PDB file of N, CA and C in Angstrom:
ATOM      1  N   MET A   1      -0.312 -18.314  13.539  1.00  0.00           N
ATOM      2  CA  MET A   1       0.176 -17.136  14.241  1.00  0.00           C
ATOM      3  C   MET A   1      -0.976 -16.133  14.338  1.00  0.00           C
ATOM      4  N   SER A   2      -1.202 -15.599  15.499  1.00  0.00           N
ATOM      5  CA  SER A   2      -2.308 -14.656  15.673  1.00  0.00           C
ATOM      6  C   SER A   2      -2.026 -13.331  14.986  1.00  0.00           C
ATOM      7  N   ARG A   3      -3.079 -12.609  14.645  1.00  0.00           N
ATOM      8  CA  ARG A   3      -2.929 -11.308  13.986  1.00  0.00           C
ATOM      9  C   ARG A   3      -2.160 -10.324  14.855  1.00  0.00           C
ATOM     10  N   GLY A   4      -2.152 -10.504  16.158  1.00  0.00           N
ATOM     11  CA  GLY A   4      -1.463  -9.578  17.042  1.00  0.00           C
ATOM     12  C   GLY A   4       0.034  -9.798  17.109  1.00  0.00           C
ATOM     13  N   THR A   5       0.524 -10.832  16.439  1.00  0.00           N
ATOM     14  CA  THR A   5       1.940 -11.161  16.491  1.00  0.00           C
ATOM     15  C   THR A   5       2.652 -10.619  15.264  1.00  0.00           C
ATOM     16  N   ALA A   6       3.761  -9.952  15.469  1.00  0.00           N
ATOM     17  CA  ALA A   6       4.554  -9.465  14.342  1.00  0.00           C
ATOM     18  C   ALA A   6       5.225 -10.659  13.678  1.00  0.00           C
ATOM     19  N   SER A   7       5.085 -10.779  12.372  1.00  0.00           N
ATOM     20  CA  SER A   7       5.740 -11.881  11.682  1.00  0.00           C
ATOM     21  C   SER A   7       6.984 -11.406  10.949  1.00  0.00           C
ATOM     22  N   ALA A   8       7.044 -10.165  10.611  1.00  0.00           N
ATOM     23  CA  ALA A   8       8.239  -9.609   9.983  1.00  0.00           C
ATOM     24  C   ALA A   8       8.622  -8.353  10.749  1.00  0.00           C
ATOM     25  N   LEU A   9       9.897  -8.223  10.998  1.00  0.00           N
ATOM     26  CA  LEU A   9      10.426  -7.080  11.730  1.00  0.00           C
ATOM     27  C   LEU A   9      11.803  -6.797  11.148  1.00  0.00           C
ATOM     28  N   THR A  10      12.057  -5.551  10.839  1.00  0.00           N
ATOM     29  CA  THR A  10      13.359  -5.219  10.255  1.00  0.00           C
ATOM     30  C   THR A  10      13.763  -3.806  10.633  1.00  0.00           C
ATOM     31  N   MET A  11      14.957  -3.452  10.235  1.00  0.00           N
ATOM     32  CA  MET A  11      15.525  -2.144  10.530  1.00  0.00           C
ATOM     33  C   MET A  11      15.867  -1.468   9.201  1.00  0.00           C
ATOM     34  N   ILE A  12      15.583  -0.189   9.123  1.00  0.00           N
ATOM     35  CA  ILE A  12      15.961   0.610   7.960  1.00  0.00           C
ATOM     36  C   ILE A  12      16.880   1.714   8.462  1.00  0.00           C
ATOM     37  N   ARG A  13      18.049   1.816   7.845  1.00  0.00           N
ATOM     38  CA  ARG A  13      18.988   2.891   8.201  1.00  0.00           C
ATOM     39  C   ARG A  13      19.164   3.811   7.014  1.00  0.00           C
ATOM     40  N   LEU A  14      19.038   5.104   7.286  1.00  0.00           N
ATOM     41  CA  LEU A  14      19.193   6.139   6.258  1.00  0.00           C
ATOM     42  C   LEU A  14      20.212   7.159   6.744  1.00  0.00           C
ATOM     43  N   PRO A  15      20.858   7.868   5.821  1.00  0.00           N
ATOM     44  CA  PRO A  15      21.752   8.942   6.252  1.00  0.00           C
ATOM     45  C   PRO A  15      20.995   9.920   7.160  1.00  0.00           C
ATOM     46  N   HIS A  16      21.673  10.351   8.206  1.00  0.00           N
ATOM     47  CA  HIS A  16      21.071  11.254   9.194  1.00  0.00           C
ATOM     48  C   HIS A  16      20.496  12.493   8.510  1.00  0.00           C
ATOM     49  N   GLY A  17      19.255  12.822   8.865  1.00  0.00           N
ATOM     50  CA  GLY A  17      18.617  14.031   8.357  1.00  0.00           C
ATOM     51  C   GLY A  17      17.786  13.819   7.103  1.00  0.00           C
ATOM     52  N   GLN A  18      17.883  12.644   6.479  1.00  0.00           N
ATOM     53  CA  GLN A  18      17.048  12.390   5.298  1.00  0.00           C
ATOM     54  C   GLN A  18      15.623  12.121   5.740  1.00  0.00           C
ATOM     55  N   PRO A  19      14.660  12.290   4.822  1.00  0.00           N
ATOM     56  CA  PRO A  19      13.267  12.018   5.182  1.00  0.00           C
ATOM     57  C   PRO A  19      13.078  10.568   5.623  1.00  0.00           C
ATOM     58  N   ALA A  20      12.087  10.364   6.469  1.00  0.00           N
ATOM     59  CA  ALA A  20      11.746   9.014   6.930  1.00  0.00           C
ATOM     60  C   ALA A  20      11.352   8.151   5.736  1.00  0.00           C
ATOM     61  N   PRO A  21      11.514   6.838   5.859  1.00  0.00           N
ATOM     62  CA  PRO A  21      11.122   5.964   4.751  1.00  0.00           C
ATOM     63  C   PRO A  21       9.621   6.067   4.507  1.00  0.00           C
ATOM     64  N   ASP A  22       9.243   6.030   3.237  1.00  0.00           N
ATOM     65  CA  ASP A  22       7.813   6.079   2.919  1.00  0.00           C
ATOM     66  C   ASP A  22       7.230   4.671   3.015  1.00  0.00           C
ATOM     67  N   GLU A  23       5.928   4.566   2.854  1.00  0.00           N
ATOM     68  CA  GLU A  23       5.256   3.277   3.023  1.00  0.00           C
ATOM     69  C   GLU A  23       5.796   2.226   2.058  1.00  0.00           C
ATOM     70  N   ALA A  24       6.096   2.618   0.822  1.00  0.00           N
ATOM     71  CA  ALA A  24       6.618   1.660  -0.155  1.00  0.00           C
ATOM     72  C   ALA A  24       7.970   1.099   0.294  1.00  0.00           C
ATOM     73  N   GLN A  25       8.846   1.955   0.831  1.00  0.00           N
ATOM     74  CA  GLN A  25      10.145   1.491   1.322  1.00  0.00           C
ATOM     75  C   GLN A  25       9.979   0.556   2.517  1.00  0.00           C
ATOM     76  N   VAL A  26       9.061   0.893   3.403  1.00  0.00           N
ATOM     77  CA  VAL A  26       8.818   0.068   4.585  1.00  0.00           C
ATOM     78  C   VAL A  26       8.280  -1.296   4.163  1.00  0.00           C
ATOM     79  N   ARG A  27       7.304  -1.302   3.277  1.00  0.00           N
ATOM     80  CA  ARG A  27       6.727  -2.578   2.829  1.00  0.00           C
ATOM     81  C   ARG A  27       7.753  -3.418   2.077  1.00  0.00           C
ATOM     82  N   ALA A  28       8.626  -2.784   1.299  1.00  0.00           N
ATOM     83  CA  ALA A  28       9.676  -3.529   0.587  1.00  0.00           C
ATOM     84  C   ALA A  28      10.648  -4.161   1.581  1.00  0.00           C
ATOM     85  N   ALA A  29      11.030  -3.429   2.624  1.00  0.00           N
ATOM     86  CA  ALA A  29      11.939  -3.969   3.638  1.00  0.00           C
ATOM     87  C   ALA A  29      11.287  -5.137   4.370  1.00  0.00           C
ATOM     88  N   LEU A  30       9.999  -5.019   4.673  1.00  0.00           N
ATOM     89  CA  LEU A  30       9.293  -6.109   5.342  1.00  0.00           C
ATOM     90  C   LEU A  30       9.174  -7.326   4.427  1.00  0.00           C
ATOM     91  N   ALA A  31       8.949  -7.102   3.145  1.00  0.00           N
ATOM     92  CA  ALA A  31       8.864  -8.215   2.191  1.00  0.00           C
ATOM     93  C   ALA A  31      10.188  -8.975   2.131  1.00  0.00           C
ATOM     94  N   LEU A  32      11.308  -8.246   2.168  1.00  0.00           N
ATOM     95  CA  LEU A  32      12.620  -8.900   2.189  1.00  0.00           C
ATOM     96  C   LEU A  32      12.793  -9.730   3.460  1.00  0.00           C
ATOM     97  N   ASP A  33      12.329  -9.192   4.587  1.00  0.00           N
ATOM     98  CA  ASP A  33      12.436  -9.930   5.839  1.00  0.00           C
ATOM     99  C   ASP A  33      11.572 -11.184   5.790  1.00  0.00           C
ATOM    100  N   ARG A  34      10.369 -11.077   5.255  1.00  0.00           N
ATOM    101  CA  ARG A  34       9.494 -12.250   5.124  1.00  0.00           C
ATOM    102  C   ARG A  34      10.183 -13.313   4.277  1.00  0.00           C
ATOM    103  N   ALA A  35      10.851 -12.902   3.202  1.00  0.00           N
ATOM    104  CA  ALA A  35      11.551 -13.852   2.333  1.00  0.00           C
ATOM    105  C   ALA A  35      12.690 -14.529   3.101  1.00  0.00           C
ATOM    106  N   ARG A  36      13.451 -13.745   3.882  1.00  0.00           N
ATOM    107  CA  ARG A  36      14.547 -14.324   4.684  1.00  0.00           C
ATOM    108  C   ARG A  36      14.033 -15.335   5.696  1.00  0.00           C
ATOM    109  N   LEU A  37      12.832 -15.088   6.206  1.00  0.00           N
ATOM    110  CA  LEU A  37      12.229 -15.986   7.195  1.00  0.00           C
ATOM    111  C   LEU A  37      11.479 -17.151   6.535  1.00  0.00           C
ATOM    112  N   HIS A  38      11.473 -17.184   5.219  1.00  0.00           N
ATOM    113  CA  HIS A  38      10.765 -18.215   4.449  1.00  0.00           C
ATOM    114  C   HIS A  38       9.270 -18.196   4.746  1.00  0.00           C
ATOM    115  N   LEU A  39       8.723 -16.982   4.921  1.00  0.00           N
ATOM    116  CA  LEU A  39       7.286 -16.813   5.117  1.00  0.00           C
ATOM    117  C   LEU A  39       6.646 -16.498   3.770  1.00  0.00           C
ATOM    118  N   ALA A  40       5.453 -16.977   3.577  1.00  0.00           N
ATOM    119  CA  ALA A  40       4.729 -16.680   2.342  1.00  0.00           C
ATOM    120  C   ALA A  40       4.404 -15.194   2.283  1.00  0.00           C
ATOM    121  N   PRO A  41       4.357 -14.635   1.067  1.00  0.00           N
ATOM    122  CA  PRO A  41       3.947 -13.227   0.950  1.00  0.00           C
ATOM    123  C   PRO A  41       2.529 -13.047   1.499  1.00  0.00           C
ATOM    124  N   GLU A  42       2.275 -11.913   2.069  1.00  0.00           N
ATOM    125  CA  GLU A  42       0.941 -11.619   2.584  1.00  0.00           C
ATOM    126  C   GLU A  42      -0.030 -11.452   1.418  1.00  0.00           C
ATOM    127  N   LYS A  43      -1.225 -12.020   1.563  1.00  0.00           N
ATOM    128  CA  LYS A  43      -2.252 -11.871   0.530  1.00  0.00           C
ATOM    129  C   LYS A  43      -2.966 -10.531   0.654  1.00  0.00           C
ATOM    130  N   VAL A  44      -2.989 -10.017   1.870  1.00  0.00           N
ATOM    131  CA  VAL A  44      -3.611  -8.730   2.162  1.00  0.00           C
ATOM    132  C   VAL A  44      -2.578  -7.883   2.901  1.00  0.00           C
ATOM    133  N   ALA A  45      -2.515  -6.610   2.564  1.00  0.00           N
ATOM    134  CA  ALA A  45      -1.556  -5.726   3.239  1.00  0.00           C
ATOM    135  C   ALA A  45      -1.905  -5.638   4.724  1.00  0.00           C
ATOM    136  N   ARG A  46      -0.935  -5.948   5.564  1.00  0.00           N
ATOM    137  CA  ARG A  46      -1.128  -5.859   7.012  1.00  0.00           C
ATOM    138  C   ARG A  46      -0.825  -4.445   7.470  1.00  0.00           C
ATOM    139  N   ASP A  47      -1.323  -4.111   8.643  1.00  0.00           N
ATOM    140  CA  ASP A  47      -0.952  -2.841   9.259  1.00  0.00           C
ATOM    141  C   ASP A  47       0.537  -2.893   9.567  1.00  0.00           C
ATOM    142  N   ILE A  48       1.164  -1.744   9.503  1.00  0.00           N
ATOM    143  CA  ILE A  48       2.582  -1.671   9.825  1.00  0.00           C
ATOM    144  C   ILE A  48       2.803  -0.648  10.926  1.00  0.00           C
ATOM    145  N   ALA A  49       3.894  -0.815  11.639  1.00  0.00           N
ATOM    146  CA  ALA A  49       4.275   0.135  12.674  1.00  0.00           C
ATOM    147  C   ALA A  49       5.719   0.551  12.432  1.00  0.00           C
ATOM    148  N   VAL A  50       6.012   1.800  12.720  1.00  0.00           N
ATOM    149  CA  VAL A  50       7.359   2.341  12.531  1.00  0.00           C
ATOM    150  C   VAL A  50       7.762   3.059  13.812  1.00  0.00           C
ATOM    151  N   ALA A  51       8.942   2.735  14.313  1.00  0.00           N
ATOM    152  CA  ALA A  51       9.500   3.423  15.476  1.00  0.00           C
ATOM    153  C   ALA A  51      10.789   4.110  15.044  1.00  0.00           C
ATOM    154  N   GLY A  52      10.987   5.312  15.502  1.00  0.00           N
ATOM    155  CA  GLY A  52      12.205   6.031  15.158  1.00  0.00           C
ATOM    156  C   GLY A  52      11.866   7.418  14.653  1.00  0.00           C
ATOM    157  N   PRO A  53      12.840   8.165  14.269  1.00  0.00           N
ATOM    158  CA  PRO A  53      14.224   7.755  14.053  1.00  0.00           C
ATOM    159  C   PRO A  53      15.035   7.754  15.342  1.00  0.00           C
ATOM    160  N   TYR A  54      15.978   6.834  15.362  1.00  0.00           N
ATOM    161  CA  TYR A  54      16.972   6.766  16.424  1.00  0.00           C
ATOM    162  C   TYR A  54      18.318   7.055  15.772  1.00  0.00           C
ATOM    163  N   THR A  55      19.015   8.034  16.265  1.00  0.00           N
ATOM    164  CA  THR A  55      20.312   8.386  15.696  1.00  0.00           C
ATOM    165  C   THR A  55      21.349   7.389  16.181  1.00  0.00           C
ATOM    166  N   VAL A  56      22.060   6.771  15.227  1.00  0.00           N
ATOM    167  CA  VAL A  56      23.102   5.799  15.549  1.00  0.00           C
ATOM    168  C   VAL A  56      24.354   6.162  14.768  1.00  0.00           C
ATOM    169  N   SER A  57      25.470   5.673  15.237  1.00  0.00           N
ATOM    170  CA  SER A  57      26.738   5.873  14.539  1.00  0.00           C
ATOM    171  C   SER A  57      27.292   4.497  14.182  1.00  0.00           C
ATOM    172  N   VAL A  58      27.571   4.293  12.899  1.00  0.00           N
ATOM    173  CA  VAL A  58      28.107   3.024  12.410  1.00  0.00           C
ATOM    174  C   VAL A  58      29.343   3.329  11.571  1.00  0.00           C
ATOM    175  N   ASN A  59      30.483   2.811  12.020  1.00  0.00           N
ATOM    176  CA  ASN A  59      31.751   3.041  11.306  1.00  0.00           C
ATOM    177  C   ASN A  59      31.989   4.524  11.036  1.00  0.00           C
ATOM    178  N   GLY A  60      31.673   5.360  12.019  1.00  0.00           N
ATOM    179  CA  GLY A  60      31.907   6.786  11.901  1.00  0.00           C
ATOM    180  C   GLY A  60      30.859   7.545  11.100  1.00  0.00           C
ATOM    181  N   GLN A  61      29.840   6.857  10.618  1.00  0.00           N
ATOM    182  CA  GLN A  61      28.780   7.505   9.841  1.00  0.00           C
ATOM    183  C   GLN A  61      27.537   7.646  10.719  1.00  0.00           C
ATOM    184  N   THR A  62      26.939   8.841  10.734  1.00  0.00           N
ATOM    185  CA  THR A  62      25.730   9.081  11.516  1.00  0.00           C
ATOM    186  C   THR A  62      24.513   8.732  10.662  1.00  0.00           C
ATOM    187  N   LEU A  63      23.673   7.868  11.219  1.00  0.00           N
ATOM    188  CA  LEU A  63      22.494   7.378  10.502  1.00  0.00           C
ATOM    189  C   LEU A  63      21.242   7.555  11.349  1.00  0.00           C
ATOM    190  N   ASP A  64      20.096   7.585  10.685  1.00  0.00           N
ATOM    191  CA  ASP A  64      18.805   7.530  11.362  1.00  0.00           C
ATOM    192  C   ASP A  64      18.288   6.107  11.177  1.00  0.00           C
ATOM    193  N   GLU A  65      17.954   5.465  12.286  1.00  0.00           N
ATOM    194  CA  GLU A  65      17.525   4.074  12.266  1.00  0.00           C
ATOM    195  C   GLU A  65      16.037   4.009  12.579  1.00  0.00           C
ATOM    196  N   TYR A  66      15.318   3.244  11.795  1.00  0.00           N
ATOM    197  CA  TYR A  66      13.879   3.023  11.990  1.00  0.00           C
ATOM    198  C   TYR A  66      13.665   1.525  12.168  1.00  0.00           C
ATOM    199  N   ILE A  67      12.856   1.155  13.140  1.00  0.00           N
ATOM    200  CA  ILE A  67      12.461  -0.234  13.337  1.00  0.00           C
ATOM    201  C   ILE A  67      11.026  -0.336  12.813  1.00  0.00           C
ATOM    202  N   VAL A  68      10.808  -1.295  11.923  1.00  0.00           N
ATOM    203  CA  VAL A  68       9.475  -1.446  11.305  1.00  0.00           C
ATOM    204  C   VAL A  68       8.995  -2.880  11.465  1.00  0.00           C
ATOM    205  N   TRP A  69       7.702  -3.058  11.668  1.00  0.00           N
ATOM    206  CA  TRP A  69       7.157  -4.392  11.816  1.00  0.00           C
ATOM    207  C   TRP A  69       5.719  -4.437  11.357  1.00  0.00           C
ATOM    208  N   GLU A  70       5.286  -5.674  11.081  1.00  0.00           N
ATOM    209  CA  GLU A  70       3.882  -5.919  10.729  1.00  0.00           C
ATOM    210  C   GLU A  70       3.089  -6.124  12.003  1.00  0.00           C
ATOM    211  N   ARG A  71       1.831  -5.686  11.954  1.00  0.00           N
ATOM    212  CA  ARG A  71       0.951  -5.898  13.112  1.00  0.00           C
ATOM    213  C   ARG A  71      -0.236  -6.713  12.686  1.00  0.00           C
TER     214      ARG A  71
END
């Protein structure tokens, strides 16, 4: 897989108005996604990208949604 291809991509949802996820939270979420995809852990930390927040409503609860991926 080329370096330009995202190998892990996930979504983080937090209660609306809370601070954005920090780098440790983002990397932990990506590590879980890599495990779900049966990908080996990265030997070197890859660049990450974060999009959001996007306000969403789930079961009547307002959340901030972030999409995160490896680059």
